[in-house]
Amino acid sequence: MQNRESYSYSFKFLGVKFDVDIDESFSEAERRRLTAEYTNRKEVHYHAKHELFFVPDCTLTVYTNSNPTEYNGTLVFIPAFCKHYSSRADDYRILFSFEQTGAKKTAFASFIEQTFSACAPFSFSSFSEVSVYVEELKRLLETPSDEQGELVAAIFKLMIYRLYTSSKKSEMT
């Protein structure tokens, strides 16, 4: 994984405005140092934005209330203001926030608000198509390009929309 700067992308989709920040990747030495610091000092923290860890080939350990949970080969969601700390390995972090656009709340806006108002971390591994998104995100993030931010945001948008349509099908049945 190469060192690169963080970058941001915003888009509007079905009555919701998303702000997405893709965190920089760290060198191996820097990653080991940061992981050791966080694990040893147990720096509990929270964010005003939601945190989505993309963990393609490694294990991410997230600690909430001193209880560790390990995740591998998936996307891990940590809600805004959820107190936690994590032991990161070779992964990427996507920070995002959202807000409703327009005066009338859409069904999609209600779904996003409900889905991402959780109070504890969860994994998207139960979502049947998560492996497709994990592989595509890995491919995009490992190959730097000028369109990288837009492409990652497009994958994020598609993943969120498929989660929404899948939930609608479940409600109907």
N, C-alpha and C. Protein backbone atom coordinates (compact mmCIF):
# COMPACT_ATOMS: atom_id res chain seq x y z
N MET A 1 0.84 -1.17 0.00
CA MET A 1 0.00 0.00 0.00
C MET A 1 0.89 1.24 0.00
N GLN A 2 0.53 2.21 -0.77
CA GLN A 2 1.36 3.40 -0.90
C GLN A 2 0.87 4.50 0.04
N ASN A 3 1.80 5.42 0.39
CA ASN A 3 1.38 6.62 1.11
C ASN A 3 0.64 7.52 0.15
N ARG A 4 -0.45 8.10 0.58
CA ARG A 4 -1.13 9.09 -0.21
C ARG A 4 -1.95 9.97 0.70
N GLU A 5 -2.33 11.12 0.19
CA GLU A 5 -3.09 12.07 0.98
C GLU A 5 -4.53 11.61 1.14
N SER A 6 -5.20 12.16 2.13
CA SER A 6 -6.64 11.96 2.26
C SER A 6 -7.32 12.78 1.17
N TYR A 7 -8.47 12.36 0.75
CA TYR A 7 -9.22 13.16 -0.20
C TYR A 7 -10.70 13.04 0.10
N SER A 8 -11.46 14.02 -0.37
CA SER A 8 -12.88 14.12 -0.05
C SER A 8 -13.70 14.18 -1.32
N TYR A 9 -14.94 13.76 -1.18
CA TYR A 9 -15.86 13.82 -2.29
C TYR A 9 -17.27 13.98 -1.73
N SER A 10 -18.08 14.81 -2.34
CA SER A 10 -19.47 14.99 -1.93
C SER A 10 -20.39 14.66 -3.09
N PHE A 11 -21.54 14.11 -2.77
CA PHE A 11 -22.53 13.87 -3.81
C PHE A 11 -23.93 13.89 -3.19
N LYS A 12 -24.91 14.19 -4.03
CA LYS A 12 -26.32 14.16 -3.61
C LYS A 12 -26.96 12.97 -4.28
N PHE A 13 -27.79 12.27 -3.51
CA PHE A 13 -28.39 11.04 -4.02
C PHE A 13 -29.73 10.82 -3.34
N LEU A 14 -30.81 10.81 -4.10
CA LEU A 14 -32.16 10.52 -3.62
C LEU A 14 -32.53 11.33 -2.37
N GLY A 15 -32.27 12.61 -2.41
CA GLY A 15 -32.67 13.48 -1.31
C GLY A 15 -31.71 13.52 -0.13
N VAL A 16 -30.51 12.96 -0.30
CA VAL A 16 -29.51 12.96 0.78
C VAL A 16 -28.19 13.45 0.20
N LYS A 17 -27.52 14.35 0.94
CA LYS A 17 -26.18 14.80 0.55
C LYS A 17 -25.17 14.05 1.42
N PHE A 18 -24.22 13.39 0.77
CA PHE A 18 -23.16 12.66 1.46
C PHE A 18 -21.85 13.40 1.32
N ASP A 19 -21.09 13.48 2.39
CA ASP A 19 -19.71 13.96 2.37
C ASP A 19 -18.85 12.77 2.75
N VAL A 20 -17.95 12.38 1.86
CA VAL A 20 -17.13 11.19 2.06
C VAL A 20 -15.66 11.60 2.08
N ASP A 21 -14.93 11.19 3.11
CA ASP A 21 -13.49 11.42 3.22
C ASP A 21 -12.79 10.07 3.23
N ILE A 22 -11.87 9.87 2.31
CA ILE A 22 -11.10 8.63 2.30
C ILE A 22 -9.77 8.93 2.96
N ASP A 23 -9.49 8.23 4.05
CA ASP A 23 -8.31 8.49 4.87
C ASP A 23 -7.05 8.04 4.14
N GLU A 24 -5.94 8.70 4.46
CA GLU A 24 -4.66 8.34 3.87
C GLU A 24 -4.24 6.95 4.33
N SER A 25 -3.41 6.33 3.56
CA SER A 25 -2.80 5.05 3.93
C SER A 25 -1.47 5.35 4.57
N PHE A 26 -1.00 4.46 5.40
CA PHE A 26 0.25 4.68 6.11
C PHE A 26 1.32 3.71 5.63
N SER A 27 2.57 4.10 5.79
CA SER A 27 3.66 3.18 5.51
C SER A 27 3.63 2.07 6.55
N GLU A 28 4.28 0.97 6.26
CA GLU A 28 4.28 -0.18 7.17
C GLU A 28 4.81 0.20 8.56
N ALA A 29 5.93 0.93 8.63
CA ALA A 29 6.52 1.31 9.92
C ALA A 29 5.58 2.24 10.68
N GLU A 30 5.01 3.20 9.97
CA GLU A 30 4.10 4.14 10.62
C GLU A 30 2.85 3.42 11.11
N ARG A 31 2.36 2.47 10.32
CA ARG A 31 1.17 1.71 10.69
C ARG A 31 1.43 0.89 11.96
N ARG A 32 2.61 0.22 12.03
CA ARG A 32 2.93 -0.57 13.22
C ARG A 32 3.03 0.33 14.45
N ARG A 33 3.66 1.50 14.29
CA ARG A 33 3.80 2.43 15.41
C ARG A 33 2.44 2.91 15.89
N LEU A 34 1.58 3.32 14.96
CA LEU A 34 0.26 3.83 15.34
C LEU A 34 -0.59 2.73 15.98
N THR A 35 -0.54 1.52 15.41
CA THR A 35 -1.30 0.41 15.97
C THR A 35 -0.86 0.13 17.40
N ALA A 36 0.46 0.11 17.62
CA ALA A 36 0.99 -0.15 18.96
C ALA A 36 0.55 0.96 19.93
N GLU A 37 0.61 2.22 19.47
CA GLU A 37 0.22 3.32 20.34
C GLU A 37 -1.25 3.20 20.74
N TYR A 38 -2.10 2.99 19.76
CA TYR A 38 -3.53 2.91 20.07
C TYR A 38 -3.85 1.71 20.95
N THR A 39 -3.23 0.57 20.65
CA THR A 39 -3.51 -0.62 21.43
C THR A 39 -2.97 -0.50 22.85
N ASN A 40 -1.77 0.03 22.99
CA ASN A 40 -1.17 0.12 24.31
C ASN A 40 -1.80 1.22 25.17
N ARG A 41 -2.13 2.34 24.56
CA ARG A 41 -2.68 3.44 25.33
C ARG A 41 -4.20 3.38 25.44
N LYS A 42 -4.80 2.56 24.60
CA LYS A 42 -6.26 2.41 24.59
C LYS A 42 -6.94 3.76 24.54
N GLU A 43 -6.63 4.51 23.51
CA GLU A 43 -7.19 5.84 23.34
C GLU A 43 -8.64 5.77 22.87
N VAL A 44 -9.55 5.79 23.81
CA VAL A 44 -10.96 5.79 23.47
C VAL A 44 -11.29 7.17 22.92
N HIS A 45 -12.00 7.17 21.79
CA HIS A 45 -12.34 8.42 21.15
C HIS A 45 -13.66 8.25 20.39
N TYR A 46 -14.15 9.33 19.84
CA TYR A 46 -15.31 9.26 18.96
C TYR A 46 -15.19 10.37 17.93
N HIS A 47 -16.03 10.29 16.91
CA HIS A 47 -15.99 11.24 15.80
C HIS A 47 -17.37 11.83 15.59
N ALA A 48 -17.40 13.02 15.03
CA ALA A 48 -18.68 13.62 14.64
C ALA A 48 -19.17 12.99 13.34
N LYS A 49 -18.28 12.34 12.61
CA LYS A 49 -18.67 11.66 11.38
C LYS A 49 -18.74 10.15 11.63
N HIS A 50 -19.48 9.47 10.76
CA HIS A 50 -19.51 8.01 10.80
C HIS A 50 -18.19 7.51 10.22
N GLU A 51 -17.79 6.33 10.65
CA GLU A 51 -16.52 5.76 10.22
C GLU A 51 -16.80 4.41 9.58
N LEU A 52 -16.28 4.22 8.39
CA LEU A 52 -16.45 2.96 7.70
C LEU A 52 -15.06 2.42 7.39
N PHE A 53 -14.69 1.32 8.02
CA PHE A 53 -13.40 0.70 7.76
C PHE A 53 -13.57 -0.31 6.65
N PHE A 54 -12.68 -0.26 5.70
CA PHE A 54 -12.63 -1.21 4.61
C PHE A 54 -11.47 -2.14 4.93
N VAL A 55 -11.78 -3.40 5.25
CA VAL A 55 -10.78 -4.35 5.73
C VAL A 55 -10.72 -5.53 4.76
N PRO A 56 -9.95 -5.41 3.66
CA PRO A 56 -9.99 -6.46 2.65
C PRO A 56 -9.24 -7.74 3.00
N ASP A 57 -8.00 -7.63 3.48
CA ASP A 57 -7.14 -8.82 3.61
C ASP A 57 -6.57 -9.00 5.00
N CYS A 58 -7.12 -8.36 5.98
CA CYS A 58 -6.50 -8.39 7.31
C CYS A 58 -7.59 -8.40 8.36
N THR A 59 -7.16 -8.29 9.60
CA THR A 59 -8.11 -8.26 10.71
C THR A 59 -8.09 -6.88 11.34
N LEU A 60 -9.26 -6.36 11.59
CA LEU A 60 -9.43 -5.11 12.31
C LEU A 60 -10.08 -5.47 13.65
N THR A 61 -9.49 -5.02 14.75
CA THR A 61 -10.08 -5.24 16.06
C THR A 61 -10.61 -3.92 16.56
N VAL A 62 -11.90 -3.90 16.86
CA VAL A 62 -12.54 -2.70 17.39
C VAL A 62 -12.94 -2.97 18.83
N TYR A 63 -12.56 -2.03 19.71
CA TYR A 63 -12.88 -2.16 21.13
C TYR A 63 -13.96 -1.14 21.49
N THR A 64 -15.07 -1.62 22.00
CA THR A 64 -16.10 -0.75 22.57
C THR A 64 -16.40 -1.32 23.95
N ASN A 65 -16.45 -0.45 24.94
CA ASN A 65 -16.67 -0.90 26.33
C ASN A 65 -15.70 -2.00 26.72
N SER A 66 -14.45 -1.90 26.27
CA SER A 66 -13.37 -2.85 26.55
C SER A 66 -13.61 -4.23 25.97
N ASN A 67 -14.62 -4.41 25.13
CA ASN A 67 -14.89 -5.69 24.50
C ASN A 67 -14.36 -5.68 23.07
N PRO A 68 -13.38 -6.54 22.75
CA PRO A 68 -12.85 -6.55 21.38
C PRO A 68 -13.74 -7.37 20.44
N THR A 69 -13.89 -6.89 19.22
CA THR A 69 -14.55 -7.64 18.16
C THR A 69 -13.65 -7.59 16.95
N GLU A 70 -13.39 -8.75 16.35
CA GLU A 70 -12.52 -8.83 15.18
C GLU A 70 -13.35 -8.92 13.91
N TYR A 71 -12.89 -8.21 12.88
CA TYR A 71 -13.55 -8.21 11.59
C TYR A 71 -12.51 -8.51 10.52
N ASN A 72 -12.91 -9.23 9.48
CA ASN A 72 -11.99 -9.56 8.41
C ASN A 72 -12.75 -9.66 7.09
N GLY A 73 -12.16 -9.11 6.02
CA GLY A 73 -12.72 -9.23 4.69
C GLY A 73 -14.08 -8.59 4.52
N THR A 74 -14.28 -7.44 5.14
CA THR A 74 -15.60 -6.82 5.10
C THR A 74 -15.50 -5.32 5.22
N LEU A 75 -16.62 -4.69 5.34
CA LEU A 75 -16.74 -3.27 5.66
C LEU A 75 -17.31 -3.19 7.07
N VAL A 76 -16.70 -2.38 7.92
CA VAL A 76 -17.11 -2.27 9.31
C VAL A 76 -17.58 -0.84 9.56
N PHE A 77 -18.78 -0.70 10.06
CA PHE A 77 -19.38 0.60 10.31
C PHE A 77 -19.28 0.94 11.80
N ILE A 78 -18.75 2.12 12.11
CA ILE A 78 -18.73 2.63 13.48
C ILE A 78 -19.50 3.94 13.46
N PRO A 79 -20.62 4.00 14.18
CA PRO A 79 -21.47 5.19 14.11
C PRO A 79 -20.81 6.42 14.73
N ALA A 80 -21.27 7.58 14.31
CA ALA A 80 -20.80 8.84 14.88
C ALA A 80 -21.06 8.83 16.38
N PHE A 81 -20.12 9.37 17.13
CA PHE A 81 -20.19 9.53 18.58
C PHE A 81 -20.18 8.21 19.36
N CYS A 82 -19.85 7.10 18.70
CA CYS A 82 -19.69 5.81 19.39
C CYS A 82 -18.27 5.78 19.96
N LYS A 83 -18.14 5.66 21.27
CA LYS A 83 -16.81 5.62 21.89
C LYS A 83 -16.15 4.28 21.58
N HIS A 84 -14.92 4.36 21.06
CA HIS A 84 -14.22 3.16 20.62
C HIS A 84 -12.73 3.44 20.46
N TYR A 85 -11.99 2.39 20.25
CA TYR A 85 -10.64 2.49 19.69
C TYR A 85 -10.41 1.22 18.90
N SER A 86 -9.48 1.29 17.99
CA SER A 86 -9.28 0.15 17.10
C SER A 86 -7.81 -0.12 16.89
N SER A 87 -7.52 -1.38 16.64
CA SER A 87 -6.19 -1.81 16.28
C SER A 87 -6.24 -2.09 14.80
N ARG A 88 -5.64 -1.17 14.02
CA ARG A 88 -5.73 -1.26 12.58
C ARG A 88 -4.52 -1.96 12.00
N ALA A 89 -4.76 -2.63 10.91
CA ALA A 89 -3.67 -3.22 10.16
C ALA A 89 -3.68 -2.60 8.77
N ASP A 90 -3.64 -3.41 7.76
CA ASP A 90 -3.57 -2.92 6.38
C ASP A 90 -4.99 -2.65 5.88
N ASP A 91 -5.49 -1.46 6.15
CA ASP A 91 -6.87 -1.16 5.80
C ASP A 91 -7.01 0.29 5.37
N TYR A 92 -8.21 0.65 5.01
CA TYR A 92 -8.54 2.02 4.66
C TYR A 92 -9.71 2.44 5.55
N ARG A 93 -9.82 3.74 5.74
CA ARG A 93 -10.90 4.27 6.54
C ARG A 93 -11.63 5.33 5.73
N ILE A 94 -12.94 5.20 5.69
CA ILE A 94 -13.78 6.17 5.01
C ILE A 94 -14.63 6.84 6.07
N LEU A 95 -14.54 8.15 6.17
CA LEU A 95 -15.39 8.91 7.08
C LEU A 95 -16.51 9.51 6.26
N PHE A 96 -17.74 9.47 6.78
CA PHE A 96 -18.81 10.09 6.02
C PHE A 96 -19.86 10.68 6.94
N SER A 97 -20.51 11.67 6.40
CA SER A 97 -21.66 12.28 7.07
C SER A 97 -22.72 12.48 6.01
N PHE A 98 -23.92 12.72 6.44
CA PHE A 98 -25.00 12.91 5.49
C PHE A 98 -26.01 13.88 6.07
N GLU A 99 -26.76 14.50 5.19
CA GLU A 99 -27.84 15.37 5.62
C GLU A 99 -28.92 15.34 4.56
N GLN A 100 -30.15 15.50 5.01
CA GLN A 100 -31.28 15.52 4.10
C GLN A 100 -31.23 16.79 3.27
N THR A 101 -31.60 16.69 2.01
CA THR A 101 -31.72 17.87 1.17
C THR A 101 -33.20 18.08 0.87
N GLY A 102 -33.61 19.30 0.74
CA GLY A 102 -35.02 19.58 0.46
C GLY A 102 -35.86 19.53 1.72
N ALA A 103 -37.07 20.04 1.60
CA ALA A 103 -37.97 20.14 2.76
C ALA A 103 -38.65 18.82 3.08
N LYS A 104 -38.91 18.00 2.08
CA LYS A 104 -39.63 16.75 2.30
C LYS A 104 -38.64 15.59 2.43
N LYS A 105 -38.80 14.81 3.50
CA LYS A 105 -37.90 13.68 3.73
C LYS A 105 -38.30 12.51 2.82
N THR A 106 -37.34 12.02 2.05
CA THR A 106 -37.59 10.88 1.16
C THR A 106 -37.51 9.58 1.95
N ALA A 107 -38.04 8.51 1.36
CA ALA A 107 -37.95 7.19 1.99
C ALA A 107 -36.49 6.78 2.15
N PHE A 108 -35.67 7.13 1.15
CA PHE A 108 -34.24 6.82 1.22
C PHE A 108 -33.57 7.59 2.36
N ALA A 109 -33.92 8.87 2.52
CA ALA A 109 -33.36 9.68 3.61
C ALA A 109 -33.74 9.08 4.96
N SER A 110 -34.97 8.61 5.10
CA SER A 110 -35.40 7.97 6.35
C SER A 110 -34.62 6.69 6.60
N PHE A 111 -34.41 5.90 5.54
CA PHE A 111 -33.65 4.66 5.65
C PHE A 111 -32.21 4.94 6.10
N ILE A 112 -31.57 5.92 5.46
CA ILE A 112 -30.18 6.27 5.80
C ILE A 112 -30.10 6.71 7.25
N GLU A 113 -31.02 7.55 7.66
CA GLU A 113 -31.03 8.05 9.04
C GLU A 113 -31.21 6.90 10.02
N GLN A 114 -32.13 5.99 9.73
CA GLN A 114 -32.39 4.86 10.62
C GLN A 114 -31.21 3.88 10.65
N THR A 115 -30.68 3.55 9.48
CA THR A 115 -29.58 2.58 9.38
C THR A 115 -28.33 3.07 10.09
N PHE A 116 -28.00 4.35 9.91
CA PHE A 116 -26.76 4.87 10.45
C PHE A 116 -26.94 5.62 11.76
N SER A 117 -27.98 5.26 12.51
CA SER A 117 -28.14 5.83 13.84
C SER A 117 -27.86 4.77 14.90
N ALA A 118 -27.20 3.70 14.49
CA ALA A 118 -26.86 2.63 15.42
C ALA A 118 -25.96 3.17 16.53
N CYS A 119 -25.94 2.48 17.65
CA CYS A 119 -25.09 2.94 18.77
C CYS A 119 -23.88 2.03 18.97
N ALA A 120 -23.74 1.01 18.13
CA ALA A 120 -22.60 0.10 18.25
C ALA A 120 -22.08 -0.25 16.86
N PRO A 121 -20.81 -0.61 16.75
CA PRO A 121 -20.26 -1.00 15.45
C PRO A 121 -20.97 -2.23 14.89
N PHE A 122 -21.00 -2.33 13.58
CA PHE A 122 -21.50 -3.54 12.95
C PHE A 122 -20.79 -3.76 11.63
N SER A 123 -20.87 -4.99 11.15
CA SER A 123 -20.21 -5.38 9.91
C SER A 123 -21.24 -5.56 8.81
N PHE A 124 -20.83 -5.27 7.60
CA PHE A 124 -21.69 -5.49 6.45
C PHE A 124 -21.55 -6.91 5.91
N SER A 125 -20.88 -7.80 6.65
CA SER A 125 -20.61 -9.14 6.13
C SER A 125 -21.88 -9.94 5.90
N SER A 126 -22.99 -9.58 6.56
CA SER A 126 -24.24 -10.30 6.34
C SER A 126 -24.91 -9.87 5.04
N PHE A 127 -24.48 -8.77 4.48
CA PHE A 127 -25.00 -8.26 3.21
C PHE A 127 -24.43 -9.14 2.11
N SER A 128 -25.29 -9.79 1.34
CA SER A 128 -24.85 -10.84 0.41
C SER A 128 -23.84 -10.37 -0.63
N GLU A 129 -23.84 -9.10 -0.99
CA GLU A 129 -22.95 -8.63 -2.05
C GLU A 129 -21.68 -7.96 -1.53
N VAL A 130 -21.42 -8.03 -0.22
CA VAL A 130 -20.29 -7.28 0.33
C VAL A 130 -18.96 -7.65 -0.31
N SER A 131 -18.77 -8.91 -0.67
CA SER A 131 -17.48 -9.31 -1.25
C SER A 131 -17.23 -8.62 -2.59
N VAL A 132 -18.28 -8.34 -3.35
CA VAL A 132 -18.13 -7.62 -4.62
C VAL A 132 -17.59 -6.22 -4.35
N TYR A 133 -18.16 -5.55 -3.35
CA TYR A 133 -17.74 -4.19 -3.03
C TYR A 133 -16.34 -4.17 -2.43
N VAL A 134 -16.03 -5.15 -1.60
CA VAL A 134 -14.70 -5.23 -0.99
C VAL A 134 -13.64 -5.38 -2.09
N GLU A 135 -13.88 -6.28 -3.04
CA GLU A 135 -12.91 -6.49 -4.12
C GLU A 135 -12.76 -5.26 -5.01
N GLU A 136 -13.88 -4.61 -5.33
CA GLU A 136 -13.82 -3.44 -6.20
C GLU A 136 -13.14 -2.26 -5.49
N LEU A 137 -13.46 -2.05 -4.22
CA LEU A 137 -12.80 -0.99 -3.46
C LEU A 137 -11.31 -1.24 -3.35
N LYS A 138 -10.93 -2.49 -3.11
CA LYS A 138 -9.51 -2.84 -3.02
C LYS A 138 -8.80 -2.51 -4.32
N ARG A 139 -9.41 -2.89 -5.45
CA ARG A 139 -8.82 -2.63 -6.76
C ARG A 139 -8.65 -1.12 -6.98
N LEU A 140 -9.69 -0.35 -6.67
CA LEU A 140 -9.64 1.10 -6.88
C LEU A 140 -8.62 1.79 -5.99
N LEU A 141 -8.56 1.40 -4.72
CA LEU A 141 -7.67 2.06 -3.78
C LEU A 141 -6.20 1.69 -3.99
N GLU A 142 -5.95 0.54 -4.58
CA GLU A 142 -4.56 0.13 -4.83
C GLU A 142 -4.00 0.69 -6.13
N THR A 143 -4.86 1.26 -6.96
CA THR A 143 -4.43 1.81 -8.24
C THR A 143 -4.76 3.29 -8.28
N PRO A 144 -3.83 4.15 -7.83
CA PRO A 144 -4.12 5.58 -7.80
C PRO A 144 -4.44 6.14 -9.19
N SER A 145 -5.44 7.01 -9.23
CA SER A 145 -5.80 7.68 -10.48
C SER A 145 -6.46 9.01 -10.14
N ASP A 146 -6.61 9.86 -11.14
CA ASP A 146 -7.24 11.15 -10.94
C ASP A 146 -8.72 11.02 -10.58
N GLU A 147 -9.34 9.95 -11.03
CA GLU A 147 -10.77 9.75 -10.78
C GLU A 147 -11.05 8.90 -9.54
N GLN A 148 -10.02 8.61 -8.76
CA GLN A 148 -10.17 7.67 -7.65
C GLN A 148 -11.27 8.08 -6.66
N GLY A 149 -11.31 9.35 -6.27
CA GLY A 149 -12.32 9.80 -5.32
C GLY A 149 -13.72 9.61 -5.85
N GLU A 150 -13.92 9.97 -7.12
CA GLU A 150 -15.24 9.82 -7.73
C GLU A 150 -15.63 8.35 -7.84
N LEU A 151 -14.68 7.50 -8.19
CA LEU A 151 -14.98 6.07 -8.34
C LEU A 151 -15.29 5.41 -6.99
N VAL A 152 -14.52 5.75 -5.97
CA VAL A 152 -14.79 5.21 -4.63
C VAL A 152 -16.16 5.68 -4.16
N ALA A 153 -16.47 6.96 -4.37
CA ALA A 153 -17.78 7.49 -3.98
C ALA A 153 -18.90 6.78 -4.75
N ALA A 154 -18.66 6.45 -6.03
CA ALA A 154 -19.67 5.73 -6.82
C ALA A 154 -19.91 4.33 -6.26
N ILE A 155 -18.84 3.64 -5.88
CA ILE A 155 -19.00 2.31 -5.26
C ILE A 155 -19.76 2.44 -3.95
N PHE A 156 -19.40 3.44 -3.14
CA PHE A 156 -20.08 3.69 -1.87
C PHE A 156 -21.57 3.95 -2.13
N LYS A 157 -21.87 4.78 -3.12
CA LYS A 157 -23.26 5.10 -3.45
C LYS A 157 -24.02 3.83 -3.86
N LEU A 158 -23.41 3.02 -4.72
CA LEU A 158 -24.04 1.78 -5.17
C LEU A 158 -24.27 0.83 -4.01
N MET A 159 -23.28 0.69 -3.13
CA MET A 159 -23.42 -0.19 -1.98
C MET A 159 -24.58 0.25 -1.07
N ILE A 160 -24.65 1.55 -0.80
CA ILE A 160 -25.73 2.07 0.05
C ILE A 160 -27.09 1.86 -0.62
N TYR A 161 -27.15 2.10 -1.93
CA TYR A 161 -28.41 1.93 -2.64
C TYR A 161 -28.85 0.47 -2.65
N ARG A 162 -27.90 -0.46 -2.86
CA ARG A 162 -28.24 -1.89 -2.85
C ARG A 162 -28.68 -2.34 -1.45
N LEU A 163 -28.07 -1.80 -0.43
CA LEU A 163 -28.50 -2.08 0.94
C LEU A 163 -29.94 -1.61 1.13
N TYR A 164 -30.25 -0.43 0.61
CA TYR A 164 -31.59 0.13 0.69
C TYR A 164 -32.61 -0.73 -0.06
N THR A 165 -32.30 -1.08 -1.32
CA THR A 165 -33.27 -1.88 -2.08
C THR A 165 -33.43 -3.27 -1.50
N SER A 166 -32.37 -3.85 -0.95
CA SER A 166 -32.47 -5.16 -0.29
C SER A 166 -33.38 -5.08 0.94
N SER A 167 -33.27 -4.00 1.69
CA SER A 167 -34.11 -3.85 2.88
C SER A 167 -35.57 -3.67 2.48
N LYS A 168 -35.82 -2.98 1.37
CA LYS A 168 -37.19 -2.79 0.89
C LYS A 168 -37.80 -4.13 0.49
N LYS A 169 -37.01 -4.98 -0.19
CA LYS A 169 -37.51 -6.30 -0.56
C LYS A 169 -37.83 -7.13 0.67
N SER A 170 -36.99 -7.04 1.70
CA SER A 170 -37.22 -7.79 2.95
C SER A 170 -38.50 -7.32 3.62
N GLU A 171 -38.75 -5.99 3.62
CA GLU A 171 -39.97 -5.47 4.22
C GLU A 171 -41.20 -5.97 3.50
N MET A 172 -41.14 -6.05 2.16
CA MET A 172 -42.30 -6.49 1.37
C MET A 172 -42.61 -7.94 1.61
N THR A 173 -41.59 -8.79 1.82
CA THR A 173 -41.86 -10.19 2.09
C THR A 173 -42.27 -10.40 3.52
